[in-house]
């Protein structure tokens, strides 16, 4: 199975905001798709990036790290929407790597 079959990215530009929606699984195989979509979105120099995770069905440790990196390295206003509460808590914690007591695989 190809990465494109596991994760779809949908990007919509509206004025100075980019809306990026992820649908499917975010893991080792699909993180490059997120990175490519985010790089394309950021290349237009928007003021705001809306990252919609409503249709994200799976996220492993690699996906968590990629999301965490994106949320902390974006030099614009980044707004997460549709984030499952467990994923939101994980992304907003102060430490980067998960602790042994933090689940490294999340299913929704």
Protein backbone atom coordinates (compact mmCIF):
# COMPACT_ATOMS: atom_id res chain seq x y z
CA UNK A 1 0.00 0.00 0.00
CA UNK A 2 1.26 3.46 -0.89
CA UNK A 3 1.56 6.32 1.59
CA UNK A 4 -0.92 8.31 -0.51
CA UNK A 5 -3.49 5.58 0.17
CA UNK A 6 -3.03 5.97 3.93
CA UNK A 7 -3.01 9.76 4.28
CA UNK A 8 -4.64 12.41 2.16
CA UNK A 9 -3.78 16.08 2.52
CA UNK A 10 -6.16 18.76 1.32
CA UNK A 11 -4.98 22.35 1.10
CA UNK A 12 -7.14 25.41 0.60
CA UNK A 13 -5.82 28.95 0.40
CA UNK A 14 -8.10 31.79 1.49
CA UNK A 15 -6.59 35.27 1.58
CA UNK A 16 -3.69 35.12 4.05
CA UNK A 17 -4.72 31.80 5.61
CA UNK A 18 -3.92 28.27 4.52
CA UNK A 19 -6.25 25.46 5.58
CA UNK A 20 -4.53 22.07 5.62
CA UNK A 21 -6.70 19.03 6.36
CA UNK A 22 -5.29 15.60 7.09
CA UNK A 23 -7.39 12.48 6.53
CA UNK A 24 -6.21 9.00 7.41
CA UNK A 25 -3.13 7.73 9.21
CA UNK A 26 -0.10 9.76 10.24
CA UNK A 27 2.88 7.49 10.80
CA UNK A 28 6.42 6.76 9.64
CA UNK A 29 5.24 6.06 6.09
CA UNK A 30 3.04 9.14 5.75
CA UNK A 31 4.91 11.88 7.65
CA UNK A 32 6.74 12.91 4.44
CA UNK A 33 3.32 13.73 2.93
CA UNK A 34 2.55 16.05 5.85
CA UNK A 35 5.98 17.65 5.60
CA UNK A 36 5.57 18.23 1.86
CA UNK A 37 2.06 19.68 2.26
CA UNK A 38 3.20 21.94 5.10
CA UNK A 39 6.25 23.11 3.12
CA UNK A 40 4.03 23.96 0.15
CA UNK A 41 1.58 25.81 2.39
CA UNK A 42 4.34 27.75 4.13
CA UNK A 43 6.01 28.69 0.84
CA UNK A 44 3.13 31.07 0.14
CA UNK A 45 4.02 33.00 3.34
CA UNK A 46 0.56 32.95 4.93
CA UNK A 47 -0.13 34.75 8.17
CA UNK A 48 -2.04 31.78 9.53
CA UNK A 49 -2.05 28.02 9.06
CA UNK A 50 -5.17 26.11 10.09
CA UNK A 51 -4.35 22.44 10.54
CA UNK A 52 -7.54 20.35 10.61
CA UNK A 53 -7.09 16.93 12.21
CA UNK A 54 -10.79 15.98 12.29
CA UNK A 55 -10.30 13.07 9.89
CA UNK A 56 -7.03 11.84 11.35
CA UNK A 57 -7.73 8.23 12.36
CA UNK A 58 -4.31 7.10 13.60
CA UNK A 59 -1.14 8.76 14.79
CA UNK A 60 2.01 6.96 15.96
CA UNK A 61 5.10 8.37 17.66
CA UNK A 62 6.60 9.55 14.38
CA UNK A 63 3.38 11.37 13.52
CA UNK A 64 3.26 12.94 16.98
CA UNK A 65 6.80 14.20 16.60
CA UNK A 66 6.03 15.65 13.17
CA UNK A 67 2.93 17.46 14.49
CA UNK A 68 4.80 18.65 17.55
CA UNK A 69 7.63 19.94 15.39
CA UNK A 70 5.20 21.72 13.09
CA UNK A 71 3.35 23.36 15.99
CA UNK A 72 6.57 24.62 17.55
CA UNK A 73 8.52 25.58 14.45
CA UNK A 74 5.87 27.41 12.46
CA UNK A 75 6.81 31.07 12.32
CA UNK A 76 3.18 32.02 11.80
CA UNK A 77 -0.01 31.64 13.76
CA UNK A 78 -0.86 27.93 13.73
CA UNK A 79 -4.35 26.87 14.71
CA UNK A 80 -5.20 23.19 15.28
CA UNK A 81 -8.80 22.17 14.74
CA UNK A 82 -10.60 18.87 15.07
CA UNK A 83 -7.98 17.56 17.45
CA UNK A 84 -8.95 14.55 19.54
CA UNK A 85 -8.54 15.48 23.25
CA UNK A 86 -5.79 12.88 23.85
CA UNK A 87 -3.84 14.09 20.83
CA UNK A 88 -4.30 17.72 21.88
CA UNK A 89 -2.93 16.99 25.36
CA UNK A 90 0.07 15.20 23.88
CA UNK A 91 0.84 18.04 21.47
CA UNK A 92 0.56 20.74 24.10
CA UNK A 93 2.85 19.09 26.66
CA UNK A 94 6.16 20.84 27.22
CA UNK A 95 8.43 17.89 26.50
CA UNK A 96 9.16 16.66 22.99
CA UNK A 97 9.69 12.92 23.36
CA UNK A 98 6.90 10.94 25.00
CA UNK A 99 7.60 9.68 28.51
CA UNK A 100 7.30 5.95 29.23
CA UNK A 101 3.86 6.58 30.74
CA UNK A 102 2.59 8.40 27.65
CA UNK A 103 0.94 6.22 24.97
CA UNK A 104 2.99 6.27 21.82
CA UNK A 105 0.23 5.03 19.55
CA UNK A 106 -3.18 6.65 19.51
CA UNK A 107 -6.28 5.24 17.88
CA UNK A 108 -9.50 7.22 17.69
